[in-house]
Protein backbone atom coordinates (compact mmCIF):
# COMPACT_ATOMS: atom_id res chain seq x y z
CA MET A 1 -83.87 38.95 61.89
CA PRO A 2 -85.08 37.14 65.03
CA LEU A 3 -84.28 38.54 68.43
CA GLN A 4 -81.78 36.59 70.46
CA ASN A 5 -81.46 36.13 74.22
CA ILE A 6 -78.07 37.01 75.65
CA THR A 7 -76.69 36.99 79.13
CA ASN A 8 -75.19 40.43 79.59
CA ARG A 9 -73.42 43.35 77.97
CA LYS A 10 -71.23 41.82 75.96
CA PHE A 11 -72.09 37.97 76.25
CA PHE A 12 -74.17 36.76 73.33
CA THR A 13 -71.15 36.71 71.08
CA PHE A 14 -69.47 34.31 73.50
CA ILE A 15 -72.04 31.65 72.62
CA ILE A 16 -71.92 32.34 68.88
CA ALA A 17 -68.13 32.50 68.80
CA MET A 18 -67.78 29.21 70.64
CA LEU A 19 -69.86 27.68 67.86
CA ILE A 20 -68.23 29.56 64.97
CA TRP A 21 -64.66 30.39 65.98
CA GLY A 22 -64.35 28.84 69.42
CA CYS A 23 -63.38 32.17 70.95
CA THR A 24 -64.37 35.31 72.90
CA GLY A 25 -66.59 36.22 75.84
CA ASN A 26 -69.34 38.82 75.71
CA THR A 27 -71.66 39.87 78.48
CA ARG A 28 -75.02 41.57 78.98
CA ILE A 29 -77.44 39.99 81.44
CA ASN A 30 -80.86 38.72 80.28
CA GLU A 31 -81.13 41.17 77.42
CA THR A 32 -82.17 40.96 73.79
CA ILE A 33 -80.67 42.60 70.72
CA GLN A 34 -82.63 44.16 67.88
CA PRO A 35 -81.44 44.92 64.36
CA ALA A 36 -80.17 48.45 63.77
CA GLU A 37 -82.68 51.19 63.18
CA THR A 38 -83.11 51.78 59.47
CA GLN A 39 -84.57 55.26 59.13
CA ASN A 40 -81.76 56.41 56.85
CA GLN A 41 -79.97 53.18 56.05
CA ASN A 42 -81.23 52.79 52.49
CA GLN A 43 -80.34 56.34 51.53
CA SER A 44 -76.59 55.98 52.01
CA GLN A 45 -75.58 55.57 48.41
CA ASN A 46 -78.16 57.92 46.89
CA GLN A 47 -77.54 61.25 48.59
CA SER A 48 -76.49 64.27 46.58
CA LEU A 49 -73.99 65.56 49.13
CA SER A 50 -71.02 67.84 48.58
CA GLN A 51 -67.92 65.75 48.02
CA LYS A 52 -64.25 66.44 47.51
CA GLN A 53 -63.26 65.41 44.01
CA THR A 54 -60.09 63.65 45.11
CA ALA A 55 -58.38 62.75 48.34
CA ALA A 56 -55.00 61.03 48.35
CA LEU A 57 -55.11 57.85 50.40
CA SER A 58 -52.25 55.66 51.50
CA ILE A 59 -51.33 52.96 53.98
CA ARG A 60 -48.22 53.76 56.04
CA PRO A 61 -45.73 51.27 57.44
CA GLN A 62 -47.45 48.89 59.80
CA LEU A 63 -47.75 48.74 63.58
CA PRO A 64 -45.51 46.22 65.38
CA SER A 65 -48.55 43.95 65.77
CA ALA A 66 -52.23 43.97 64.90
CA ILE A 67 -54.43 45.92 67.32
CA SER A 68 -58.05 47.09 67.42
CA ASN A 69 -60.36 48.98 69.79
CA ASN A 70 -57.19 50.84 70.82
CA ALA A 71 -56.92 54.33 72.31
CA VAL A 72 -54.96 56.63 69.97
CA ALA A 73 -53.28 60.03 70.31
CA ILE A 74 -50.64 62.24 68.72
CA ALA A 75 -47.96 64.29 70.49
CA GLU A 76 -44.38 65.53 70.21
CA SER A 77 -41.73 63.08 71.34
CA VAL A 78 -37.93 63.26 71.08
CA GLU A 79 -38.46 61.82 67.58
CA GLY A 80 -40.79 64.68 66.61
CA GLN A 81 -44.50 64.33 65.90
CA THR A 82 -45.50 60.82 66.93
CA LEU A 83 -48.63 58.66 66.74
CA TYR A 84 -49.46 56.58 69.81
CA SER A 85 -51.61 53.50 70.40
CA PHE A 86 -52.52 52.19 73.85
CA LEU A 87 -54.31 49.03 75.01
CA GLY A 88 -56.80 47.25 72.72
CA LEU A 89 -57.49 43.84 71.23
CA GLY A 90 -54.95 41.55 69.57
CA ALA A 91 -55.42 39.29 66.56
CA GLY A 92 -56.81 36.30 68.45
CA LYS A 93 -59.84 38.27 69.68
CA THR A 94 -60.36 36.29 72.89
CA TYR A 95 -60.22 37.56 76.46
CA GLN A 96 -56.57 36.46 76.44
CA ASP A 97 -55.86 38.93 73.63
CA VAL A 98 -57.00 42.04 75.53
CA GLN A 99 -53.80 44.06 75.57
CA LYS A 100 -51.74 46.37 77.79
CA THR A 101 -49.45 47.19 74.85
CA ALA A 102 -48.31 50.65 73.79
CA PHE A 103 -46.86 51.66 70.42
CA ALA A 104 -45.09 54.84 69.28
CA CYS A 105 -44.94 55.67 65.56
CA PRO A 106 -42.91 58.79 64.68
CA ILE A 107 -44.11 60.38 61.46
CA ASN A 108 -42.23 58.84 58.52
CA LYS A 109 -40.28 56.49 60.79
CA ALA A 110 -40.71 52.91 61.91
CA CYS A 111 -42.98 52.19 64.85
CA GLU A 112 -41.66 50.84 68.13
CA GLN A 113 -43.29 48.97 70.97
CA LEU A 114 -43.09 50.78 74.31
CA ASP A 115 -43.31 49.33 77.80
CA ASP A 116 -46.82 48.15 78.64
CA VAL A 117 -49.34 50.60 80.03
CA PRO A 118 -49.02 50.31 83.86
CA VAL A 119 -52.40 48.72 84.57
CA PRO A 120 -53.08 45.32 86.21
CA GLN A 121 -54.67 43.82 83.10
CA GLY A 122 -55.45 44.77 79.53
CA ARG A 123 -58.57 46.66 78.58
CA LEU A 124 -60.75 47.65 75.67
CA ALA A 125 -62.71 50.75 74.61
CA SER A 126 -60.43 53.26 76.35
CA VAL A 127 -59.87 56.76 74.97
CA ALA A 128 -56.83 59.04 74.83
CA VAL A 129 -56.68 62.84 74.51
CA THR A 130 -53.63 65.09 74.21
CA ILE A 131 -53.44 68.43 76.05
CA LYS A 132 -50.24 70.48 76.29
CA ASN A 133 -48.26 67.52 74.98
CA LYS A 134 -49.44 65.18 77.73
CA ILE A 135 -51.59 62.22 76.70
CA TYR A 136 -54.44 61.41 79.07
CA LEU A 137 -55.71 57.82 78.96
CA PHE A 138 -59.19 57.11 80.31
CA GLY A 139 -61.00 53.99 81.48
CA GLY A 140 -61.90 51.04 79.30
CA TYR A 141 -63.19 47.68 80.39
CA THR A 142 -61.48 44.47 81.46
CA VAL A 143 -62.56 40.99 80.41
CA ALA A 144 -62.27 37.99 82.75
CA PRO A 145 -61.93 34.32 81.66
CA ASP A 146 -65.63 33.77 82.39
CA GLY A 147 -66.53 36.69 80.08
CA SER A 148 -67.48 39.11 82.87
CA GLU A 149 -66.46 42.70 82.33
CA VAL A 150 -65.73 45.71 84.53
CA SER A 151 -65.61 49.38 83.52
CA THR A 152 -62.43 50.83 85.03
CA PRO A 153 -62.06 54.31 86.62
CA ASP A 154 -58.34 54.74 85.93
CA VAL A 155 -56.88 57.92 84.45
CA LEU A 156 -53.20 58.02 83.50
CA ALA A 157 -51.10 60.84 82.06
CA PHE A 158 -48.31 59.85 79.65
CA ASP A 159 -45.33 62.14 78.98
CA PRO A 160 -44.01 61.48 75.45
CA LYS A 161 -40.68 63.15 76.22
CA ASP A 162 -39.56 60.67 78.90
CA LYS A 163 -42.18 57.93 78.40
CA SER A 164 -43.34 58.19 82.02
CA TRP A 165 -46.82 57.60 83.44
CA LEU A 166 -48.56 59.52 86.23
CA PRO A 167 -51.83 58.43 87.88
CA ARG A 168 -54.48 61.15 87.93
CA ALA A 169 -57.84 61.58 89.64
CA PRO A 170 -60.08 58.60 88.74
CA MET A 171 -63.36 58.98 86.91
CA PRO A 172 -66.32 59.56 89.25
CA THR A 173 -68.38 57.12 87.16
CA PRO A 174 -66.17 54.66 85.28
CA VAL A 175 -67.16 54.45 81.62
CA ASP A 176 -65.94 52.83 78.43
CA ASP A 177 -66.92 53.15 74.75
CA MET A 178 -67.52 56.89 75.30
CA VAL A 179 -66.75 59.94 73.14
CA ALA A 180 -63.87 62.11 74.35
CA PHE A 181 -62.58 65.51 73.23
CA ALA A 182 -60.52 68.44 74.53
CA HIS A 183 -61.69 72.00 75.12
CA LEU A 184 -59.69 75.21 75.77
CA ASP A 185 -56.48 73.18 76.00
CA ARG A 186 -57.49 72.34 79.56
CA TYR A 187 -60.70 70.30 79.85
CA ILE A 188 -61.45 66.79 78.59
CA TYR A 189 -65.11 65.86 78.10
CA LEU A 190 -66.39 62.26 78.24
CA VAL A 191 -69.88 61.97 76.73
CA SER A 192 -72.21 59.04 77.55
CA GLY A 193 -70.77 55.50 77.28
CA TRP A 194 -71.19 52.21 79.12
CA HIS A 195 -70.86 51.77 82.90
CA ASN A 196 -70.71 48.12 84.04
CA ASP A 197 -74.31 47.11 83.31
CA GLY A 198 -75.85 49.96 81.31
CA ASN A 199 -75.39 53.12 79.31
CA VAL A 200 -75.17 56.47 81.10
CA SER A 201 -76.20 59.94 79.92
CA LEU A 202 -73.44 61.71 81.88
CA THR A 203 -71.08 64.32 80.50
CA GLN A 204 -68.06 64.02 82.78
CA VAL A 205 -65.33 66.65 82.54
CA TYR A 206 -61.73 66.30 83.67
CA ASP A 207 -59.79 69.49 84.47
CA THR A 208 -56.17 68.75 83.57
CA GLN A 209 -54.96 71.91 85.31
CA ASP A 210 -56.50 71.20 88.72
CA ASN A 211 -56.66 67.38 88.48
CA ARG A 212 -60.35 67.32 89.33
CA TRP A 213 -63.66 66.23 87.84
CA PHE A 214 -66.99 67.98 87.46
CA GLN A 215 -70.27 67.21 85.74
CA ALA A 216 -71.45 69.14 82.69
CA THR A 217 -74.96 69.20 81.21
CA LYS A 218 -76.11 65.64 80.61
CA PHE A 219 -76.29 64.24 77.13
CA PRO A 220 -80.01 64.60 76.25
CA GLY A 221 -80.17 61.89 73.59
CA ARG A 222 -80.62 58.21 74.15
CA SER A 223 -77.63 57.07 76.21
CA VAL A 224 -75.25 55.10 74.02
CA PHE A 225 -71.99 53.21 73.76
CA GLY A 226 -69.79 52.92 70.67
CA HIS A 227 -71.01 56.31 69.42
CA SER A 228 -68.70 58.80 67.69
CA GLY A 229 -68.10 62.52 67.72
CA GLY A 230 -65.80 65.45 68.28
CA SER A 231 -65.61 69.16 69.02
CA VAL A 232 -64.21 72.32 67.45
CA ASN A 233 -63.92 75.36 69.72
CA GLY A 234 -66.74 74.13 71.93
CA HIS A 235 -69.05 73.08 69.08
CA ILE A 236 -69.83 69.38 69.54
CA VAL A 237 -71.37 66.77 67.25
CA ILE A 238 -72.29 63.29 68.55
CA THR A 239 -73.81 60.60 66.34
CA ASP A 240 -74.90 56.95 66.24
CA GLY A 241 -73.99 54.28 68.82
CA VAL A 242 -75.85 51.44 70.54
CA SER A 243 -78.83 52.19 72.76
CA VAL A 244 -81.93 50.63 74.30
CA LEU A 245 -84.62 50.49 71.60
CA GLY A 246 -87.35 49.14 73.83
CA VAL A 247 -88.33 46.51 76.36
CA LYS A 248 -89.89 43.16 75.51
CA GLU A 249 -90.91 40.61 78.12
CA GLY A 250 -88.89 42.52 80.69
CA ARG A 251 -85.73 42.53 78.64
CA ARG A 252 -84.03 45.55 77.19
CA GLN A 253 -83.54 45.44 73.44
CA PHE A 254 -80.31 46.98 72.14
CA GLY A 255 -79.45 48.15 68.65
CA LEU A 256 -77.65 50.75 66.57
CA ILE A 257 -79.32 54.16 66.33
CA ASN A 258 -78.87 56.95 63.79
CA ASP A 259 -79.47 59.93 66.08
CA SER A 260 -77.27 63.02 65.87
CA TRP A 261 -76.84 65.84 68.40
CA TYR A 262 -75.16 69.23 68.37
CA GLY A 263 -73.91 70.86 71.55
CA GLN A 264 -72.32 74.21 72.31
CA ILE A 265 -70.22 74.74 75.43
CA ASP A 266 -70.90 78.04 77.14
CA GLU A 267 -68.05 80.54 76.76
CA ASN A 268 -68.08 81.41 80.46
CA ASP A 269 -69.12 78.15 82.07
CA PRO A 270 -67.49 74.88 80.89
CA ALA A 271 -70.15 72.91 82.77
CA LEU A 272 -72.99 74.32 80.63
CA ILE A 273 -73.71 72.72 77.26
CA ARG A 274 -76.66 73.75 75.10
CA TRP A 275 -77.71 70.61 73.26
CA ARG A 276 -80.12 70.22 70.36
CA LYS A 277 -81.00 67.38 68.06
CA ILE A 278 -79.94 67.76 64.43
CA LYS A 279 -80.69 65.91 61.21
CA SER A 280 -78.98 62.54 61.19
CA HIS A 281 -76.32 61.76 58.65
CA PRO A 282 -77.66 59.88 55.61
CA PHE A 283 -75.28 56.91 55.65
CA GLY A 284 -77.13 54.65 58.06
CA PRO A 285 -76.01 54.01 61.65
CA LEU A 286 -72.36 53.04 62.13
CA TYR A 287 -70.64 51.64 65.20
CA ARG A 288 -67.25 52.70 66.60
CA MET A 289 -66.26 55.07 63.83
CA ALA A 290 -62.97 56.95 64.06
CA ALA A 291 -63.81 60.64 64.62
CA ILE A 292 -62.22 63.98 65.44
CA GLY A 293 -62.90 67.71 65.38
CA ASP A 294 -60.89 69.52 62.66
CA GLU A 295 -60.34 73.14 63.66
CA LYS A 296 -58.64 74.06 60.37
CA ASN A 297 -61.68 73.11 58.26
CA ASN A 298 -64.30 73.64 61.00
CA HIS A 299 -65.57 70.10 60.49
CA ILE A 300 -66.23 67.05 62.62
CA VAL A 301 -64.79 64.12 60.65
CA PHE A 302 -65.93 60.48 60.76
CA ALA A 303 -64.22 57.47 59.16
CA GLY A 304 -65.09 53.78 58.84
CA GLY A 305 -67.24 52.03 61.44
CA GLY A 306 -69.28 48.82 61.54
CA ASP A 307 -72.81 48.17 60.29
CA ASN A 308 -73.82 46.03 63.25
CA ALA A 309 -73.49 46.18 67.04
CA TYR A 310 -71.04 43.73 68.62
CA ASN A 311 -68.97 43.43 71.77
CA TYR A 312 -65.35 43.08 70.78
CA ASN A 313 -64.75 40.26 68.30
CA GLY A 314 -66.69 41.67 65.35
CA ILE A 315 -69.50 39.11 65.52
CA GLY A 316 -72.77 40.93 66.15
CA TYR A 317 -74.96 40.29 69.15
CA ASP A 318 -77.32 38.81 66.56
CA GLY A 319 -74.65 36.33 65.44
CA ILE A 320 -73.98 38.08 62.13
CA LEU A 321 -70.45 39.11 61.17
CA THR A 322 -70.17 42.91 61.16
CA LYS A 323 -69.17 44.56 57.89
CA PRO A 324 -66.77 47.54 58.06
CA SER A 325 -67.37 50.75 56.13
CA ASN A 326 -64.87 52.58 53.92
CA LEU A 327 -66.75 55.86 54.07
CA VAL A 328 -65.24 59.14 55.30
CA PHE A 329 -67.70 61.98 55.87
CA THR A 330 -67.96 65.22 57.83
CA PHE A 331 -70.37 67.50 59.58
CA ASP A 332 -69.56 70.98 58.27
CA LEU A 333 -69.96 73.46 61.13
CA ASN A 334 -69.89 76.35 58.64
CA THR A 335 -73.06 75.22 56.88
CA ASN A 336 -74.49 72.74 59.41
CA THR A 337 -74.61 70.03 56.75
CA TRP A 338 -73.33 66.49 56.36
CA LYS A 339 -70.86 65.98 53.51
CA ARG A 340 -69.34 62.90 51.98
CA LEU A 341 -65.57 63.39 51.92
CA THR A 342 -63.88 60.32 50.42
CA LYS A 343 -63.34 56.60 50.95
CA LEU A 344 -60.74 54.68 52.90
CA PRO A 345 -58.46 52.50 50.76
CA THR A 346 -59.77 49.53 52.74
CA PRO A 347 -62.90 49.22 54.92
CA SER A 348 -62.18 49.63 58.63
CA MET A 349 -64.04 49.54 61.96
CA ASP A 350 -63.62 49.16 65.73
CA HIS A 351 -61.95 52.51 66.35
CA ARG A 352 -61.55 54.75 69.39
CA GLY A 353 -60.46 57.91 67.61
CA LEU A 354 -59.18 59.63 64.48
CA LEU A 355 -55.93 61.64 64.49
CA ILE A 356 -54.71 64.72 62.62
CA ALA A 357 -51.07 64.84 61.51
CA GLY A 358 -50.26 67.86 59.38
CA ASP A 359 -52.33 67.68 56.21
CA HIS A 360 -53.69 64.23 56.93
CA TYR A 361 -56.28 62.42 58.97
CA VAL A 362 -54.85 59.17 60.33
CA VAL A 363 -56.52 55.87 61.27
CA VAL A 364 -54.40 53.60 63.50
CA GLY A 365 -55.21 49.89 63.66
CA GLY A 366 -58.77 48.54 63.69
CA MET A 367 -60.62 45.66 62.06
CA GLY A 368 -61.03 45.07 58.34
CA GLU A 369 -63.12 42.67 56.29
CA ASN A 370 -64.16 39.48 58.08
CA ALA A 371 -63.34 41.22 61.38
CA VAL A 372 -59.60 40.67 60.90
CA VAL A 373 -57.54 42.78 63.33
CA ARG A 374 -55.13 44.92 61.30
CA ARG A 375 -51.73 46.60 61.63
CA ASP A 376 -52.45 49.40 59.17
CA ILE A 377 -51.84 53.10 59.63
CA ILE A 378 -53.99 54.84 57.03
CA LYS A 379 -53.49 58.45 55.92
CA ILE A 380 -56.25 60.54 54.33
CA ASP A 381 -55.78 64.00 52.83
CA ARG A 382 -57.56 66.75 54.78
């Protein structure tokens, strides 16, 4: 497909959407966008991978309202084990639909809307991580009426027991669309992501015990946003995302990549990560998959995702509507192999995390076919 000129990180879709839907603002200054890399794209349906024979799938009662690109977490509240959703994008998918909303969904009970997250304006592409039953909410980006965007440094701790918020030490380098995971029930790692006008290769680590930040070994792959990954006992897998594929006529060219990396955190030094490139998964590059590390099965699990890079409304930087995937697959840390697991009952994309609740993986919100923002809570057997 032809390359298109856009005006900054997330802006090309603003022009397309005004023509197609009359909505949204995306921004990336004087850049161009390339189609996704295709090194493994055509192999996705023809791989002889290990696969579970069956996996029960169901759609739970719905969220109070449709939400996508939302930070998700699970913790114990006074109602018992509870799913949480923070911030994100509402059904209208314009800058006016960037949300400050928070939802709590006790397992097997109806969801409720909580007080808004205490931030000045809504934001997208945040992440949430639970440690010792406190939910830590990181960053995200704001969208102004003119389409300009700012990566925010804010870190907030949410207590599910009394629904209170506590400001914590801000990120040294504000990022959004990053991968986040916990380690040793103390540290939270933020890998790569977008900072205002470009991707960064940083691995920033927040110490929840001492309320301080430090830098770990940089991510050695191409810096990315919208990538996915997780960790089990310090064993990390990061895959896919949007990166710079080259420069043409002085303009960076962005597109989906199908790179995969394994990292191991040193047992004695949480700032030291030994990274190495691994074979990419065979399903083609996917954007903003839901992902998590599963300690019980020693897997990193990935679900859904989009087949095209876009800002926030589901229309690609190339003007093409992104198609969601229904695939669920894993990286098996026992055998160091990729395995197809099952399929979602409905294709889904635009996620900031996957949750584990008992014997199920859980997807909260997201976009479905035709980039429709959804209210679904989907359960998948582990």
